[in-house]
Amino acid sequence: VSHALAALDQAGLEAVTLSLREPS
């Protein structure tokens, strides 16, 4: 998750919400 957030931050994208769940 931290890797994903770092990549988004580097691209200038800010997440409004973030959640983790098991696949359905």
mmCIF file of all heavy atoms, coordinates in Angstrom:
data_MODEL
# 
_entry.id   MODEL 
# 
loop_
_atom_site.group_PDB 
_atom_site.id 
_atom_site.type_symbol 
_atom_site.label_atom_id 
_atom_site.label_alt_id 
_atom_site.label_comp_id 
_atom_site.label_asym_id 
_atom_site.label_entity_id 
_atom_site.label_seq_id 
_atom_site.pdbx_PDB_ins_code 
_atom_site.Cartn_x 
_atom_site.Cartn_y 
_atom_site.Cartn_z 
_atom_site.occupancy 
_atom_site.B_iso_or_equiv 
_atom_site.pdbx_formal_charge 
_atom_site.auth_seq_id 
_atom_site.auth_comp_id 
_atom_site.auth_asym_id 
_atom_site.auth_atom_id 
_atom_site.pdbx_PDB_model_num 
ATOM 1   N N   . VAL A 1 1  ? 0.830   -1.203  0.000   1.00 0.00 ? 1  VAL A N   1 
ATOM 2   C CA  . VAL A 1 1  ? 0.000   0.000   0.000   1.00 0.00 ? 1  VAL A CA  1 
ATOM 3   C C   . VAL A 1 1  ? 0.868   1.258   0.000   1.00 0.00 ? 1  VAL A C   1 
ATOM 4   O O   . VAL A 1 1  ? 0.610   2.216   -0.746  1.00 0.00 ? 1  VAL A O   1 
ATOM 5   C CB  . VAL A 1 1  ? -0.945  0.003   1.220   1.00 0.00 ? 1  VAL A CB  1 
ATOM 6   C CG1 . VAL A 1 1  ? -1.692  1.332   1.305   1.00 0.00 ? 1  VAL A CG1 1 
ATOM 7   C CG2 . VAL A 1 1  ? -1.938  -1.143  1.110   1.00 0.00 ? 1  VAL A CG2 1 
ATOM 8   N N   . SER A 1 2  ? 1.907   1.273   0.828   1.00 0.00 ? 2  SER A N   1 
ATOM 9   C CA  . SER A 1 2  ? 2.772   2.458   0.890   1.00 0.00 ? 2  SER A CA  1 
ATOM 10  C C   . SER A 1 2  ? 3.445   2.694   -0.451  1.00 0.00 ? 2  SER A C   1 
ATOM 11  O O   . SER A 1 2  ? 3.642   3.852   -0.865  1.00 0.00 ? 2  SER A O   1 
ATOM 12  C CB  . SER A 1 2  ? 3.824   2.284   1.987   1.00 0.00 ? 2  SER A CB  1 
ATOM 13  O OG  . SER A 1 2  ? 4.619   1.125   1.746   1.00 0.00 ? 2  SER A OG  1 
ATOM 14  N N   . HIS A 1 3  ? 3.769   1.617   -1.157  1.00 0.00 ? 3  HIS A N   1 
ATOM 15  C CA  . HIS A 1 3  ? 4.377   1.743   -2.479  1.00 0.00 ? 3  HIS A CA  1 
ATOM 16  C C   . HIS A 1 3  ? 3.400   2.387   -3.449  1.00 0.00 ? 3  HIS A C   1 
ATOM 17  O O   . HIS A 1 3  ? 3.761   3.261   -4.245  1.00 0.00 ? 3  HIS A O   1 
ATOM 18  C CB  . HIS A 1 3  ? 4.797   0.363   -2.969  1.00 0.00 ? 3  HIS A CB  1 
ATOM 19  C CG  . HIS A 1 3  ? 5.582   0.371   -4.242  1.00 0.00 ? 3  HIS A CG  1 
ATOM 20  N ND1 . HIS A 1 3  ? 6.417   1.401   -4.620  1.00 0.00 ? 3  HIS A ND1 1 
ATOM 21  C CD2 . HIS A 1 3  ? 5.655   -0.557  -5.246  1.00 0.00 ? 3  HIS A CD2 1 
ATOM 22  C CE1 . HIS A 1 3  ? 6.974   1.128   -5.790  1.00 0.00 ? 3  HIS A CE1 1 
ATOM 23  N NE2 . HIS A 1 3  ? 6.515   -0.050  -6.194  1.00 0.00 ? 3  HIS A NE2 1 
ATOM 24  N N   . ALA A 1 4  ? 2.129   1.972   -3.369  1.00 0.00 ? 4  ALA A N   1 
ATOM 25  C CA  . ALA A 1 4  ? 1.110   2.538   -4.249  1.00 0.00 ? 4  ALA A CA  1 
ATOM 26  C C   . ALA A 1 4  ? 0.883   4.011   -3.952  1.00 0.00 ? 4  ALA A C   1 
ATOM 27  O O   . ALA A 1 4  ? 0.788   4.838   -4.873  1.00 0.00 ? 4  ALA A O   1 
ATOM 28  C CB  . ALA A 1 4  ? -0.198  1.761   -4.084  1.00 0.00 ? 4  ALA A CB  1 
ATOM 29  N N   . LEU A 1 5  ? 0.801   4.363   -2.680  1.00 0.00 ? 5  LEU A N   1 
ATOM 30  C CA  . LEU A 1 5  ? 0.577   5.760   -2.308  1.00 0.00 ? 5  LEU A CA  1 
ATOM 31  C C   . LEU A 1 5  ? 1.746   6.637   -2.729  1.00 0.00 ? 5  LEU A C   1 
ATOM 32  O O   . LEU A 1 5  ? 1.555   7.781   -3.167  1.00 0.00 ? 5  LEU A O   1 
ATOM 33  C CB  . LEU A 1 5  ? 0.338   5.866   -0.807  1.00 0.00 ? 5  LEU A CB  1 
ATOM 34  C CG  . LEU A 1 5  ? -0.977  5.268   -0.304  1.00 0.00 ? 5  LEU A CG  1 
ATOM 35  C CD1 . LEU A 1 5  ? -1.063  5.392   1.213   1.00 0.00 ? 5  LEU A CD1 1 
ATOM 36  C CD2 . LEU A 1 5  ? -2.164  5.962   -0.954  1.00 0.00 ? 5  LEU A CD2 1 
ATOM 37  N N   . ALA A 1 6  ? 2.956   6.116   -2.593  1.00 0.00 ? 6  ALA A N   1 
ATOM 38  C CA  . ALA A 1 6  ? 4.133   6.890   -3.006  1.00 0.00 ? 6  ALA A CA  1 
ATOM 39  C C   . ALA A 1 6  ? 4.110   7.153   -4.502  1.00 0.00 ? 6  ALA A C   1 
ATOM 40  O O   . ALA A 1 6  ? 4.441   8.263   -4.965  1.00 0.00 ? 6  ALA A O   1 
ATOM 41  C CB  . ALA A 1 6  ? 5.405   6.134   -2.617  1.00 0.00 ? 6  ALA A CB  1 
ATOM 42  N N   . ALA A 1 7  ? 3.693   6.156   -5.286  1.00 0.00 ? 7  ALA A N   1 
ATOM 43  C CA  . ALA A 1 7  ? 3.622   6.317   -6.737  1.00 0.00 ? 7  ALA A CA  1 
ATOM 44  C C   . ALA A 1 7  ? 2.569   7.353   -7.114  1.00 0.00 ? 7  ALA A C   1 
ATOM 45  O O   . ALA A 1 7  ? 2.786   8.182   -8.015  1.00 0.00 ? 7  ALA A O   1 
ATOM 46  C CB  . ALA A 1 7  ? 3.316   4.973   -7.398  1.00 0.00 ? 7  ALA A CB  1 
ATOM 47  N N   . LEU A 1 8  ? 1.421   7.329   -6.427  1.00 0.00 ? 8  LEU A N   1 
ATOM 48  C CA  . LEU A 1 8  ? 0.373   8.308   -6.703  1.00 0.00 ? 8  LEU A CA  1 
ATOM 49  C C   . LEU A 1 8  ? 0.823   9.714   -6.311  1.00 0.00 ? 8  LEU A C   1 
ATOM 50  O O   . LEU A 1 8  ? 0.542   10.682  -7.025  1.00 0.00 ? 8  LEU A O   1 
ATOM 51  C CB  . LEU A 1 8  ? -0.909  7.933   -5.965  1.00 0.00 ? 8  LEU A CB  1 
ATOM 52  C CG  . LEU A 1 8  ? -1.598  6.637   -6.411  1.00 0.00 ? 8  LEU A CG  1 
ATOM 53  C CD1 . LEU A 1 8  ? -2.830  6.375   -5.543  1.00 0.00 ? 8  LEU A CD1 1 
ATOM 54  C CD2 . LEU A 1 8  ? -1.999  6.713   -7.881  1.00 0.00 ? 8  LEU A CD2 1 
ATOM 55  N N   . ASP A 1 9  ? 1.510   9.818   -5.185  1.00 0.00 ? 9  ASP A N   1 
ATOM 56  C CA  . ASP A 1 9  ? 1.991   11.122  -4.733  1.00 0.00 ? 9  ASP A CA  1 
ATOM 57  C C   . ASP A 1 9  ? 2.989   11.699  -5.722  1.00 0.00 ? 9  ASP A C   1 
ATOM 58  O O   . ASP A 1 9  ? 2.969   12.901  -6.034  1.00 0.00 ? 9  ASP A O   1 
ATOM 59  C CB  . ASP A 1 9  ? 2.616   10.977  -3.346  1.00 0.00 ? 9  ASP A CB  1 
ATOM 60  C CG  . ASP A 1 9  ? 3.058   12.313  -2.782  1.00 0.00 ? 9  ASP A CG  1 
ATOM 61  O OD1 . ASP A 1 9  ? 2.185   13.191  -2.588  1.00 0.00 ? 9  ASP A OD1 1 
ATOM 62  O OD2 . ASP A 1 9  ? 4.274   12.495  -2.551  1.00 0.00 ? 9  ASP A OD2 1 
ATOM 63  N N   . GLN A 1 10 ? 3.845   10.847  -6.226  1.00 0.00 ? 10 GLN A N   1 
ATOM 64  C CA  . GLN A 1 10 ? 4.843   11.302  -7.204  1.00 0.00 ? 10 GLN A CA  1 
ATOM 65  C C   . GLN A 1 10 ? 4.169   11.781  -8.492  1.00 0.00 ? 10 GLN A C   1 
ATOM 66  O O   . GLN A 1 10 ? 4.681   12.682  -9.167  1.00 0.00 ? 10 GLN A O   1 
ATOM 67  C CB  . GLN A 1 10 ? 5.819   10.171  -7.508  1.00 0.00 ? 10 GLN A CB  1 
ATOM 68  C CG  . GLN A 1 10 ? 6.991   10.596  -8.406  1.00 0.00 ? 10 GLN A CG  1 
ATOM 69  C CD  . GLN A 1 10 ? 8.009   9.494   -8.576  1.00 0.00 ? 10 GLN A CD  1 
ATOM 70  O OE1 . GLN A 1 10 ? 7.863   8.407   -8.005  1.00 0.00 ? 10 GLN A OE1 1 
ATOM 71  N NE2 . GLN A 1 10 ? 9.044   9.744   -9.355  1.00 0.00 ? 10 GLN A NE2 1 
ATOM 72  N N   . ALA A 1 11 ? 3.017   11.207  -8.798  1.00 0.00 ? 11 ALA A N   1 
ATOM 73  C CA  . ALA A 1 11 ? 2.286   11.613  -10.004 1.00 0.00 ? 11 ALA A CA  1 
ATOM 74  C C   . ALA A 1 11 ? 1.378   12.807  -9.734  1.00 0.00 ? 11 ALA A C   1 
ATOM 75  O O   . ALA A 1 11 ? 0.646   13.234  -10.634 1.00 0.00 ? 11 ALA A O   1 
ATOM 76  C CB  . ALA A 1 11 ? 1.472   10.434  -10.520 1.00 0.00 ? 11 ALA A CB  1 
ATOM 77  N N   . GLY A 1 12 ? 1.407   13.320  -8.517  1.00 0.00 ? 12 GLY A N   1 
ATOM 78  C CA  . GLY A 1 12 ? 0.579   14.472  -8.188  1.00 0.00 ? 12 GLY A CA  1 
ATOM 79  C C   . GLY A 1 12 ? -0.874  14.141  -7.953  1.00 0.00 ? 12 GLY A C   1 
ATOM 80  O O   . GLY A 1 12 ? -1.753  14.996  -8.084  1.00 0.00 ? 12 GLY A O   1 
ATOM 81  N N   . LEU A 1 13 ? -1.156  12.871  -7.562  1.00 0.00 ? 13 LEU A N   1 
ATOM 82  C CA  . LEU A 1 13 ? -2.523  12.430  -7.311  1.00 0.00 ? 13 LEU A CA  1 
ATOM 83  C C   . LEU A 1 13 ? -2.728  12.206  -5.819  1.00 0.00 ? 13 LEU A C   1 
ATOM 84  O O   . LEU A 1 13 ? -1.923  11.541  -5.165  1.00 0.00 ? 13 LEU A O   1 
ATOM 85  C CB  . LEU A 1 13 ? -2.811  11.133  -8.059  1.00 0.00 ? 13 LEU A CB  1 
ATOM 86  C CG  . LEU A 1 13 ? -2.769  11.224  -9.595  1.00 0.00 ? 13 LEU A CG  1 
ATOM 87  C CD1 . LEU A 1 13 ? -2.780  9.838   -10.216 1.00 0.00 ? 13 LEU A CD1 1 
ATOM 88  C CD2 . LEU A 1 13 ? -3.942  12.041  -10.107 1.00 0.00 ? 13 LEU A CD2 1 
ATOM 89  N N   . GLU A 1 14 ? -3.807  12.762  -5.285  1.00 0.00 ? 14 GLU A N   1 
ATOM 90  C CA  . GLU A 1 14 ? -4.090  12.631  -3.861  1.00 0.00 ? 14 GLU A CA  1 
ATOM 91  C C   . GLU A 1 14 ? -5.371  11.829  -3.662  1.00 0.00 ? 14 GLU A C   1 
ATOM 92  O O   . GLU A 1 14 ? -6.427  12.163  -4.215  1.00 0.00 ? 14 GLU A O   1 
ATOM 93  C CB  . GLU A 1 14 ? -4.243  14.004  -3.212  1.00 0.00 ? 14 GLU A CB  1 
ATOM 94  C CG  . GLU A 1 14 ? -4.463  13.942  -1.709  1.00 0.00 ? 14 GLU A CG  1 
ATOM 95  C CD  . GLU A 1 14 ? -4.509  15.319  -1.075  1.00 0.00 ? 14 GLU A CD  1 
ATOM 96  O OE1 . GLU A 1 14 ? -4.236  16.319  -1.795  1.00 0.00 ? 14 GLU A OE1 1 
ATOM 97  O OE2 . GLU A 1 14 ? -4.823  15.397  0.121   1.00 0.00 ? 14 GLU A OE2 1 
ATOM 98  N N   . ALA A 1 15 ? -5.276  10.766  -2.874  1.00 0.00 ? 15 ALA A N   1 
ATOM 99  C CA  . ALA A 1 15 ? -6.425  9.907   -2.628  1.00 0.00 ? 15 ALA A CA  1 
ATOM 100 C C   . ALA A 1 15 ? -7.385  10.568  -1.646  1.00 0.00 ? 15 ALA A C   1 
ATOM 101 O O   . ALA A 1 15 ? -6.967  11.203  -0.679  1.00 0.00 ? 15 ALA A O   1 
ATOM 102 C CB  . ALA A 1 15 ? -5.972  8.561   -2.083  1.00 0.00 ? 15 ALA A CB  1 
ATOM 103 N N   . VAL A 1 16 ? -8.676  10.436  -1.928  1.00 0.00 ? 16 VAL A N   1 
ATOM 104 C CA  . VAL A 1 16 ? -9.701  10.932  -1.008  1.00 0.00 ? 16 VAL A CA  1 
ATOM 105 C C   . VAL A 1 16 ? -9.900  9.933   0.120   1.00 0.00 ? 16 VAL A C   1 
ATOM 106 O O   . VAL A 1 16 ? -9.922  10.280  1.300   1.00 0.00 ? 16 VAL A O   1 
ATOM 107 C CB  . VAL A 1 16 ? -11.029 11.173  -1.745  1.00 0.00 ? 16 VAL A CB  1 
ATOM 108 C CG1 . VAL A 1 16 ? -12.127 11.593  -0.766  1.00 0.00 ? 16 VAL A CG1 1 
ATOM 109 C CG2 . VAL A 1 16 ? -10.842 12.230  -2.831  1.00 0.00 ? 16 VAL A CG2 1 
ATOM 110 N N   . THR A 1 17 ? -10.076 8.649   -0.235  1.00 0.00 ? 17 THR A N   1 
ATOM 111 C CA  . THR A 1 17 ? -10.179 7.567   0.745   1.00 0.00 ? 17 THR A CA  1 
ATOM 112 C C   . THR A 1 17 ? -9.409  6.366   0.237   1.00 0.00 ? 17 THR A C   1 
ATOM 113 O O   . THR A 1 17 ? -9.150  6.230   -0.969  1.00 0.00 ? 17 THR A O   1 
ATOM 114 C CB  . THR A 1 17 ? -11.643 7.144   1.002   1.00 0.00 ? 17 THR A CB  1 
ATOM 115 O OG1 . THR A 1 17 ? -12.205 6.645   -0.213  1.00 0.00 ? 17 THR A OG1 1 
ATOM 116 C CG2 . THR A 1 17 ? -12.465 8.307   1.535   1.00 0.00 ? 17 THR A CG2 1 
ATOM 117 N N   . LEU A 1 18 ? -9.060  5.485   1.156   1.00 0.00 ? 18 LEU A N   1 
ATOM 118 C CA  . LEU A 1 18 ? -8.331  4.273   0.816   1.00 0.00 ? 18 LEU A CA  1 
ATOM 119 C C   . LEU A 1 18 ? -8.839  3.152   1.718   1.00 0.00 ? 18 LEU A C   1 
ATOM 120 O O   . LEU A 1 18 ? -9.057  3.354   2.916   1.00 0.00 ? 18 LEU A O   1 
ATOM 121 C CB  . LEU A 1 18 ? -6.834  4.477   1.013   1.00 0.00 ? 18 LEU A CB  1 
ATOM 122 C CG  . LEU A 1 18 ? -5.900  3.287   0.746   1.00 0.00 ? 18 LEU A CG  1 
ATOM 123 C CD1 . LEU A 1 18 ? -4.566  3.784   0.203   1.00 0.00 ? 18 LEU A CD1 1 
ATOM 124 C CD2 . LEU A 1 18 ? -5.660  2.496   2.050   1.00 0.00 ? 18 LEU A CD2 1 
ATOM 125 N N   . SER A 1 19 ? -9.029  1.969   1.150   1.00 0.00 ? 19 SER A N   1 
ATOM 126 C CA  . SER A 1 19 ? -9.477  0.838   1.950   1.00 0.00 ? 19 SER A CA  1 
ATOM 127 C C   . SER A 1 19 ? -8.874  -0.452  1.415   1.00 0.00 ? 19 SER A C   1 
ATOM 128 O O   . SER A 1 19 ? -8.551  -0.565  0.230   1.00 0.00 ? 19 SER A O   1 
ATOM 129 C CB  . SER A 1 19 ? -11.002 0.730   1.954   1.00 0.00 ? 19 SER A CB  1 
ATOM 130 O OG  . SER A 1 19 ? -11.497 0.502   0.637   1.00 0.00 ? 19 SER A OG  1 
ATOM 131 N N   . LEU A 1 20 ? -8.739  -1.425  2.312   1.00 0.00 ? 20 LEU A N   1 
ATOM 132 C CA  . LEU A 1 20 ? -8.253  -2.749  1.965   1.00 0.00 ? 20 LEU A CA  1 
ATOM 133 C C   . LEU A 1 20 ? -9.345  -3.759  2.279   1.00 0.00 ? 20 LEU A C   1 
ATOM 134 O O   . LEU A 1 20 ? -10.045 -3.643  3.288   1.00 0.00 ? 20 LEU A O   1 
ATOM 135 C CB  . LEU A 1 20 ? -7.002  -3.100  2.764   1.00 0.00 ? 20 LEU A CB  1 
ATOM 136 C CG  . LEU A 1 20 ? -5.736  -2.307  2.450   1.00 0.00 ? 20 LEU A CG  1 
ATOM 137 C CD1 . LEU A 1 20 ? -4.659  -2.638  3.462   1.00 0.00 ? 20 LEU A CD1 1 
ATOM 138 C CD2 . LEU A 1 20 ? -5.252  -2.598  1.044   1.00 0.00 ? 20 LEU A CD2 1 
ATOM 139 N N   . ARG A 1 21 ? -9.512  -4.738  1.424   1.00 0.00 ? 21 ARG A N   1 
ATOM 140 C CA  . ARG A 1 21 ? -10.502 -5.780  1.670   1.00 0.00 ? 21 ARG A CA  1 
ATOM 141 C C   . ARG A 1 21 ? -10.068 -7.063  0.998   1.00 0.00 ? 21 ARG A C   1 
ATOM 142 O O   . ARG A 1 21 ? -9.214  -7.070  0.101   1.00 0.00 ? 21 ARG A O   1 
ATOM 143 C CB  . ARG A 1 21 ? -11.870 -5.364  1.135   1.00 0.00 ? 21 ARG A CB  1 
ATOM 144 C CG  . ARG A 1 21 ? -11.896 -5.129  -0.372  1.00 0.00 ? 21 ARG A CG  1 
ATOM 145 C CD  . ARG A 1 21 ? -13.295 -4.821  -0.866  1.00 0.00 ? 21 ARG A CD  1 
ATOM 146 N NE  . ARG A 1 21 ? -13.319 -4.514  -2.288  1.00 0.00 ? 21 ARG A NE  1 
ATOM 147 C CZ  . ARG A 1 21 ? -13.309 -5.428  -3.251  1.00 0.00 ? 21 ARG A CZ  1 
ATOM 148 N NH1 . ARG A 1 21 ? -13.272 -6.723  -2.931  1.00 0.00 ? 21 ARG A NH1 1 
ATOM 149 N NH2 . ARG A 1 21 ? -13.334 -5.080  -4.523  1.00 0.00 ? 21 ARG A NH2 1 
ATOM 150 N N   . GLU A 1 22 ? -10.656 -8.162  1.461   1.00 0.00 ? 22 GLU A N   1 
ATOM 151 C CA  . GLU A 1 22 ? -10.402 -9.441  0.824   1.00 0.00 ? 22 GLU A CA  1 
ATOM 152 C C   . GLU A 1 22 ? -11.155 -9.487  -0.513  1.00 0.00 ? 22 GLU A C   1 
ATOM 153 O O   . GLU A 1 22 ? -12.217 -8.880  -0.653  1.00 0.00 ? 22 GLU A O   1 
ATOM 154 C CB  . GLU A 1 22 ? -10.867 -10.582 1.728   1.00 0.00 ? 22 GLU A CB  1 
ATOM 155 C CG  . GLU A 1 22 ? -10.055 -10.709 3.004   1.00 0.00 ? 22 GLU A CG  1 
ATOM 156 C CD  . GLU A 1 22 ? -8.579  -10.901 2.702   1.00 0.00 ? 22 GLU A CD  1 
ATOM 157 O OE1 . GLU A 1 22 ? -8.241  -11.877 2.017   1.00 0.00 ? 22 GLU A OE1 1 
ATOM 158 O OE2 . GLU A 1 22 ? -7.773  -10.067 3.142   1.00 0.00 ? 22 GLU A OE2 1 
ATOM 159 N N   . PRO A 1 23 ? -10.639 -10.193 -1.506  1.00 0.00 ? 23 PRO A N   1 
ATOM 160 C CA  . PRO A 1 23 ? -11.340 -10.261 -2.797  1.00 0.00 ? 23 PRO A CA  1 
ATOM 161 C C   . PRO A 1 23 ? -12.677 -10.966 -2.661  1.00 0.00 ? 23 PRO A C   1 
ATOM 162 O O   . PRO A 1 23 ? -12.842 -11.876 -1.853  1.00 0.00 ? 23 PRO A O   1 
ATOM 163 C CB  . PRO A 1 23 ? -10.377 -11.070 -3.681  1.00 0.00 ? 23 PRO A CB  1 
ATOM 164 C CG  . PRO A 1 23 ? -9.546  -11.847 -2.723  1.00 0.00 ? 23 PRO A CG  1 
ATOM 165 C CD  . PRO A 1 23 ? -9.395  -10.981 -1.514  1.00 0.00 ? 23 PRO A CD  1 
ATOM 166 N N   . SER A 1 24 ? -13.657 -10.533 -3.428  1.00 0.00 ? 24 SER A N   1 
ATOM 167 C CA  . SER A 1 24 ? -14.982 -11.129 -3.431  1.00 0.00 ? 24 SER A CA  1 
ATOM 168 C C   . SER A 1 24 ? -15.166 -11.956 -4.700  1.00 0.00 ? 24 SER A C   1 
ATOM 169 O O   . SER A 1 24 ? -14.355 -11.898 -5.627  1.00 0.00 ? 24 SER A O   1 
ATOM 170 C CB  . SER A 1 24 ? -16.062 -10.040 -3.373  1.00 0.00 ? 24 SER A CB  1 
ATOM 171 O OG  . SER A 1 24 ? -16.067 -9.299  -4.582  1.00 0.00 ? 24 SER A OG  1 
# 
